[in-house]
Amino acid sequence: MGQSTATADELAGIWKEVFGGEPDLDRDLAELGIQSVKLIEIVLRVQDRLAVTLSLDSLLVPTTLRALADEIDRVREATA
């Protein structure tokens, strides 16, 4: 398991609101039951709370929530 970050913790909270239940940050997103309508909801919440604009494609590339949190941090740094 990887180290937790503030972004990963925030993303886990968003995931919990959208899907319910506590997510495993290191589990494959496909195994977590990700659906396109829910992806849109996650993108909108990430944009609102984390001030990061993600494309839907960016949610399909990372394989885990932790990897997605790393991508969010990378986007933040690139746009700062």
C-alpha atoms as a PDB file:
ATOM      1  CA  MET A   1       0.000   0.000   0.000  1.00  0.00           C
ATOM      2  CA  GLY A   2       1.156   3.527  -0.770  1.00  0.00           C
ATOM      3  CA  GLN A   3       1.387   6.485   1.502  1.00  0.00           C
ATOM      4  CA  SER A   4      -1.756   8.552   2.060  1.00  0.00           C
ATOM      5  CA  THR A   5      -1.791  12.177   0.933  1.00  0.00           C
ATOM      6  CA  ALA A   6      -4.190  15.022   1.582  1.00  0.00           C
ATOM      7  CA  THR A   7      -5.378  14.736  -2.031  1.00  0.00           C
ATOM      8  CA  ALA A   8      -5.899  10.985  -1.699  1.00  0.00           C
ATOM      9  CA  ASP A   9      -7.853  11.530   1.521  1.00  0.00           C
ATOM     10  CA  GLU A  10     -10.041  14.191  -0.126  1.00  0.00           C
ATOM     11  CA  LEU A  11     -10.592  11.969  -3.163  1.00  0.00           C
ATOM     12  CA  ALA A  12     -11.568   9.085  -0.888  1.00  0.00           C
ATOM     13  CA  GLY A  13     -14.125  11.370   0.766  1.00  0.00           C
ATOM     14  CA  ILE A  14     -15.575  12.331  -2.603  1.00  0.00           C
ATOM     15  CA  TRP A  15     -15.671   8.669  -3.636  1.00  0.00           C
ATOM     16  CA  LYS A  16     -17.469   7.793  -0.395  1.00  0.00           C
ATOM     17  CA  GLU A  17     -20.117  10.473  -1.050  1.00  0.00           C
ATOM     18  CA  VAL A  18     -20.705   9.347  -4.630  1.00  0.00           C
ATOM     19  CA  PHE A  19     -20.501   5.572  -4.224  1.00  0.00           C
ATOM     20  CA  GLY A  20     -20.959   5.030  -0.497  1.00  0.00           C
ATOM     21  CA  GLY A  21     -18.627   2.917   1.579  1.00  0.00           C
ATOM     22  CA  GLU A  22     -14.949   3.344   2.314  1.00  0.00           C
ATOM     23  CA  PRO A  23     -12.800   2.957  -0.820  1.00  0.00           C
ATOM     24  CA  ASP A  24      -9.524   1.092  -0.949  1.00  0.00           C
ATOM     25  CA  LEU A  25      -7.091   3.635  -2.415  1.00  0.00           C
ATOM     26  CA  ASP A  26      -4.967   0.874  -3.922  1.00  0.00           C
ATOM     27  CA  ARG A  27      -7.727  -1.228  -5.475  1.00  0.00           C
ATOM     28  CA  ASP A  28      -8.270  -1.145  -9.228  1.00  0.00           C
ATOM     29  CA  LEU A  29     -10.984   1.370 -10.150  1.00  0.00           C
ATOM     30  CA  ALA A  30     -12.750  -1.190 -12.354  1.00  0.00           C
ATOM     31  CA  GLU A  31     -13.095  -3.451  -9.329  1.00  0.00           C
ATOM     32  CA  LEU A  32     -14.665  -0.576  -7.380  1.00  0.00           C
ATOM     33  CA  GLY A  33     -17.595  -0.429  -9.826  1.00  0.00           C
ATOM     34  CA  ILE A  34     -16.883   2.889 -11.509  1.00  0.00           C
ATOM     35  CA  GLN A  35     -19.688   4.007 -13.875  1.00  0.00           C
ATOM     36  CA  SER A  36     -19.722   6.835 -16.437  1.00  0.00           C
ATOM     37  CA  VAL A  37     -22.477   8.850 -14.730  1.00  0.00           C
ATOM     38  CA  LYS A  38     -20.645   8.563 -11.428  1.00  0.00           C
ATOM     39  CA  LEU A  39     -17.397   9.578 -13.140  1.00  0.00           C
ATOM     40  CA  ILE A  40     -18.996  12.860 -14.153  1.00  0.00           C
ATOM     41  CA  GLU A  41     -20.094  13.436 -10.574  1.00  0.00           C
ATOM     42  CA  ILE A  42     -16.576  12.746  -9.311  1.00  0.00           C
ATOM     43  CA  VAL A  43     -15.050  15.113 -11.909  1.00  0.00           C
ATOM     44  CA  LEU A  44     -17.434  17.897 -10.875  1.00  0.00           C
ATOM     45  CA  ARG A  45     -16.699  17.431  -7.173  1.00  0.00           C
ATOM     46  CA  VAL A  46     -12.944  17.296  -7.762  1.00  0.00           C
ATOM     47  CA  GLN A  47     -13.213  20.496  -9.794  1.00  0.00           C
ATOM     48  CA  ASP A  48     -15.251  22.214  -7.089  1.00  0.00           C
ATOM     49  CA  ARG A  49     -13.335  21.071  -4.004  1.00  0.00           C
ATOM     50  CA  LEU A  50      -9.809  20.638  -5.266  1.00  0.00           C
ATOM     51  CA  ALA A  51      -9.828  23.440  -7.860  1.00  0.00           C
ATOM     52  CA  VAL A  52      -8.591  21.045 -10.546  1.00  0.00           C
ATOM     53  CA  THR A  53     -10.224  20.539 -13.918  1.00  0.00           C
ATOM     54  CA  LEU A  54     -10.034  16.919 -15.018  1.00  0.00           C
ATOM     55  CA  SER A  55     -11.228  15.402 -18.233  1.00  0.00           C
ATOM     56  CA  LEU A  56     -13.205  12.174 -18.098  1.00  0.00           C
ATOM     57  CA  ASP A  57     -10.282  10.565 -19.905  1.00  0.00           C
ATOM     58  CA  SER A  58      -8.010  11.439 -16.998  1.00  0.00           C
ATOM     59  CA  LEU A  59     -10.190   9.273 -14.770  1.00  0.00           C
ATOM     60  CA  LEU A  60      -9.797   6.302 -17.072  1.00  0.00           C
ATOM     61  CA  VAL A  61      -5.998   6.302 -17.179  1.00  0.00           C
ATOM     62  CA  PRO A  62      -5.085   5.852 -13.479  1.00  0.00           C
ATOM     63  CA  THR A  63      -5.870   2.376 -12.238  1.00  0.00           C
ATOM     64  CA  THR A  64      -6.343   3.244  -8.547  1.00  0.00           C
ATOM     65  CA  LEU A  65      -7.666   6.142  -6.489  1.00  0.00           C
ATOM     66  CA  ARG A  66      -4.149   6.724  -5.191  1.00  0.00           C
ATOM     67  CA  ALA A  67      -2.878   7.000  -8.790  1.00  0.00           C
ATOM     68  CA  LEU A  68      -5.725   9.406  -9.545  1.00  0.00           C
ATOM     69  CA  ALA A  69      -4.741  11.505  -6.510  1.00  0.00           C
ATOM     70  CA  ASP A  70      -1.182  11.615  -7.877  1.00  0.00           C
ATOM     71  CA  GLU A  71      -2.576  12.754 -11.257  1.00  0.00           C
ATOM     72  CA  ILE A  72      -4.598  15.501  -9.540  1.00  0.00           C
ATOM     73  CA  ASP A  73      -1.447  16.685  -7.757  1.00  0.00           C
ATOM     74  CA  ARG A  74       0.452  16.634 -11.065  1.00  0.00           C
ATOM     75  CA  VAL A  75      -2.258  18.712 -12.778  1.00  0.00           C
ATOM     76  CA  ARG A  76      -2.239  21.173  -9.866  1.00  0.00           C
ATOM     77  CA  GLU A  77       1.529  21.609 -10.112  1.00  0.00           C
ATOM     78  CA  ALA A  78       1.408  22.017 -13.891  1.00  0.00           C
ATOM     79  CA  THR A  79      -1.234  24.744 -13.698  1.00  0.00           C
ATOM     80  CA  ALA A  80       0.195  26.576 -10.688  1.00  0.00           C
END
